[in-house]
């Protein structure tokens, strides 16, 4: 089982390093791998090594703050 990544939090904005090929870059630069009903695998953009898994998020709120983007 893959590690669950907080892709929409700190992971995407932090510098990551691949132990397989030495690639470094932001987590947001990770490639999407296999897609499932509830999420997607994230892979190294250079060597395609699987880093982990991101669950899709869905928030529904009929009375949301004006600062929330739709």
N, C-alpha and C. Protein backbone atom coordinates (compact mmCIF):
# COMPACT_ATOMS: atom_id res chain seq x y z
N UNK A 1 0.84 -1.18 0.00
CA UNK A 1 0.00 0.00 0.00
C UNK A 1 0.89 1.24 0.00
N UNK A 2 0.51 2.22 -0.76
CA UNK A 2 1.26 3.46 -0.88
C UNK A 2 1.03 4.38 0.30
N UNK A 3 2.01 5.23 0.54
CA UNK A 3 1.90 6.24 1.59
C UNK A 3 0.86 7.28 1.18
N UNK A 4 0.00 7.67 2.13
CA UNK A 4 -1.00 8.70 1.87
C UNK A 4 -0.34 10.07 1.93
N UNK A 5 -0.44 10.84 0.85
CA UNK A 5 0.18 12.16 0.76
C UNK A 5 -0.84 13.25 1.01
N UNK A 6 -0.44 14.26 1.74
CA UNK A 6 -1.27 15.45 1.96
C UNK A 6 -0.97 16.42 0.82
N UNK A 7 -1.38 16.04 -0.39
CA UNK A 7 -1.01 16.79 -1.58
C UNK A 7 -1.55 18.21 -1.57
N UNK A 8 -2.69 18.42 -0.95
CA UNK A 8 -3.32 19.74 -0.93
C UNK A 8 -2.83 20.58 0.25
N UNK A 9 -1.86 20.09 0.98
CA UNK A 9 -1.28 20.80 2.12
C UNK A 9 0.18 21.11 1.87
N UNK A 10 1.01 20.81 2.86
CA UNK A 10 2.43 21.14 2.79
C UNK A 10 3.19 20.37 1.73
N UNK A 11 2.81 19.15 1.43
CA UNK A 11 3.56 18.32 0.48
C UNK A 11 3.73 19.01 -0.87
N UNK A 12 2.67 19.60 -1.40
CA UNK A 12 2.71 20.21 -2.72
C UNK A 12 3.65 21.41 -2.78
N UNK A 13 3.77 22.16 -1.68
CA UNK A 13 4.57 23.37 -1.66
C UNK A 13 6.00 23.16 -1.18
N UNK A 14 6.30 21.98 -0.67
CA UNK A 14 7.63 21.69 -0.13
C UNK A 14 8.51 21.01 -1.18
N UNK A 15 9.82 21.19 -1.06
CA UNK A 15 10.78 20.53 -1.96
C UNK A 15 10.90 19.06 -1.55
N UNK A 16 10.76 18.19 -2.54
CA UNK A 16 10.86 16.74 -2.33
C UNK A 16 12.09 16.24 -3.09
N UNK A 17 12.66 15.14 -2.63
CA UNK A 17 13.82 14.54 -3.29
C UNK A 17 13.56 13.05 -3.49
N UNK A 18 13.82 12.56 -4.69
CA UNK A 18 13.62 11.15 -5.00
C UNK A 18 14.89 10.38 -4.65
N UNK A 19 14.73 9.37 -3.83
CA UNK A 19 15.88 8.55 -3.45
C UNK A 19 16.29 7.60 -4.58
N UNK A 20 15.42 7.42 -5.58
CA UNK A 20 15.74 6.53 -6.68
C UNK A 20 16.64 7.14 -7.73
N UNK A 21 16.37 8.42 -8.10
CA UNK A 21 17.12 9.03 -9.20
C UNK A 21 17.76 10.37 -8.84
N UNK A 22 17.44 10.90 -7.66
CA UNK A 22 18.02 12.17 -7.23
C UNK A 22 17.25 13.40 -7.65
N UNK A 23 16.12 13.24 -8.33
CA UNK A 23 15.32 14.39 -8.72
C UNK A 23 14.92 15.20 -7.49
N UNK A 24 14.91 16.52 -7.61
CA UNK A 24 14.38 17.39 -6.56
C UNK A 24 13.43 18.39 -7.21
N UNK A 25 12.39 18.71 -6.51
CA UNK A 25 11.40 19.67 -6.99
C UNK A 25 10.23 19.73 -6.04
N UNK A 26 9.29 20.58 -6.33
CA UNK A 26 8.11 20.71 -5.49
C UNK A 26 7.22 19.49 -5.64
N UNK A 27 6.53 19.15 -4.56
CA UNK A 27 5.59 18.04 -4.62
C UNK A 27 4.52 18.26 -5.68
N UNK A 28 4.16 19.52 -5.93
CA UNK A 28 3.16 19.84 -6.95
C UNK A 28 3.63 19.46 -8.35
N UNK A 29 4.94 19.25 -8.53
CA UNK A 29 5.47 18.87 -9.84
C UNK A 29 5.44 17.36 -10.07
N UNK A 30 5.00 16.61 -9.07
CA UNK A 30 4.91 15.15 -9.22
C UNK A 30 3.94 14.80 -10.33
N UNK A 31 4.23 13.72 -11.03
CA UNK A 31 3.36 13.23 -12.09
C UNK A 31 2.23 12.41 -11.49
N UNK A 32 1.08 12.42 -12.14
CA UNK A 32 -0.02 11.55 -11.73
C UNK A 32 0.19 10.19 -12.37
N UNK A 33 0.04 9.16 -11.55
CA UNK A 33 0.16 7.79 -12.03
C UNK A 33 -1.22 7.19 -12.24
N UNK A 34 -1.39 5.97 -11.76
CA UNK A 34 -2.66 5.29 -11.93
C UNK A 34 -3.75 6.01 -11.15
N UNK A 35 -4.91 6.16 -11.79
CA UNK A 35 -6.06 6.84 -11.20
C UNK A 35 -7.08 5.79 -10.76
N UNK A 36 -7.59 5.97 -9.56
CA UNK A 36 -8.61 5.10 -9.00
C UNK A 36 -9.87 5.92 -8.73
N UNK A 37 -10.96 5.27 -8.35
CA UNK A 37 -12.22 5.98 -8.07
C UNK A 37 -12.06 7.05 -7.00
N UNK A 38 -11.23 6.77 -5.99
CA UNK A 38 -11.14 7.67 -4.84
C UNK A 38 -9.83 8.46 -4.77
N UNK A 39 -8.95 8.31 -5.75
CA UNK A 39 -7.69 9.04 -5.70
C UNK A 39 -6.75 8.70 -6.83
N UNK A 40 -5.49 9.15 -6.68
CA UNK A 40 -4.49 8.97 -7.73
C UNK A 40 -3.12 8.75 -7.10
N UNK A 41 -2.29 7.94 -7.75
CA UNK A 41 -0.91 7.77 -7.32
C UNK A 41 -0.09 8.95 -7.81
N UNK A 42 0.93 9.35 -7.04
CA UNK A 42 1.84 10.41 -7.46
C UNK A 42 3.22 9.79 -7.63
N UNK A 43 3.87 10.11 -8.77
CA UNK A 43 5.14 9.49 -9.13
C UNK A 43 6.20 10.54 -9.41
N UNK A 44 7.47 10.13 -9.28
CA UNK A 44 8.59 10.99 -9.62
C UNK A 44 8.51 11.33 -11.11
N UNK A 45 8.66 12.61 -11.49
CA UNK A 45 8.58 12.98 -12.90
C UNK A 45 9.77 12.51 -13.74
N UNK A 46 10.86 12.14 -13.08
CA UNK A 46 12.05 11.69 -13.83
C UNK A 46 12.08 10.17 -14.00
N UNK A 47 11.92 9.42 -12.91
CA UNK A 47 12.09 7.97 -12.99
C UNK A 47 10.78 7.20 -12.82
N UNK A 48 9.68 7.90 -12.59
CA UNK A 48 8.35 7.30 -12.44
C UNK A 48 8.21 6.44 -11.18
N UNK A 49 9.11 6.60 -10.22
CA UNK A 49 9.01 5.87 -8.95
C UNK A 49 7.77 6.36 -8.20
N UNK A 50 6.98 5.42 -7.68
CA UNK A 50 5.76 5.79 -6.95
C UNK A 50 6.11 6.39 -5.59
N UNK A 51 5.55 7.57 -5.33
CA UNK A 51 5.80 8.26 -4.05
C UNK A 51 4.70 8.01 -3.05
N UNK A 52 3.50 7.93 -3.52
CA UNK A 52 2.39 7.76 -2.61
C UNK A 52 1.07 7.94 -3.32
N UNK A 53 0.07 8.20 -2.53
CA UNK A 53 -1.31 8.21 -3.00
C UNK A 53 -2.02 9.45 -2.46
N UNK A 54 -2.78 10.10 -3.32
CA UNK A 54 -3.55 11.28 -2.94
C UNK A 54 -5.03 10.95 -3.07
N UNK A 55 -5.77 11.11 -1.97
CA UNK A 55 -7.22 10.92 -2.03
C UNK A 55 -7.87 12.18 -2.57
N UNK A 56 -8.85 11.99 -3.46
CA UNK A 56 -9.62 13.13 -3.95
C UNK A 56 -10.43 13.70 -2.81
N UNK A 57 -10.59 15.02 -2.79
CA UNK A 57 -11.35 15.69 -1.75
C UNK A 57 -12.57 16.35 -2.37
N UNK A 58 -13.64 16.37 -1.62
CA UNK A 58 -14.86 17.04 -2.06
C UNK A 58 -15.51 17.69 -0.85
N UNK A 59 -15.73 18.97 -0.97
CA UNK A 59 -16.41 19.70 0.10
C UNK A 59 -17.63 20.37 -0.51
N UNK A 60 -18.77 20.16 0.10
CA UNK A 60 -20.00 20.79 -0.35
C UNK A 60 -20.55 21.59 0.81
N UNK A 61 -20.79 22.88 0.56
CA UNK A 61 -21.33 23.75 1.60
C UNK A 61 -22.20 24.80 0.94
N UNK A 62 -23.49 24.75 1.21
CA UNK A 62 -24.42 25.70 0.60
C UNK A 62 -24.30 27.10 1.17
N UNK A 63 -23.70 27.24 2.36
CA UNK A 63 -23.60 28.54 3.02
C UNK A 63 -22.14 28.81 3.33
N UNK A 64 -21.28 28.84 2.28
CA UNK A 64 -19.85 28.97 2.48
C UNK A 64 -19.41 30.43 2.59
N UNK A 65 -18.27 30.68 3.22
CA UNK A 65 -17.72 32.04 3.29
C UNK A 65 -17.41 32.57 1.88
N UNK A 66 -17.55 33.86 1.69
CA UNK A 66 -17.33 34.49 0.38
C UNK A 66 -15.92 34.29 -0.13
N UNK A 67 -14.94 34.09 0.77
CA UNK A 67 -13.54 33.94 0.34
C UNK A 67 -13.26 32.55 -0.24
N UNK A 68 -14.14 31.59 -0.06
CA UNK A 68 -13.94 30.27 -0.65
C UNK A 68 -14.17 30.36 -2.14
N UNK A 69 -13.25 29.78 -2.91
CA UNK A 69 -13.41 29.74 -4.36
C UNK A 69 -14.17 28.49 -4.76
N UNK A 70 -15.01 28.60 -5.76
CA UNK A 70 -15.78 27.46 -6.23
C UNK A 70 -15.10 26.71 -7.33
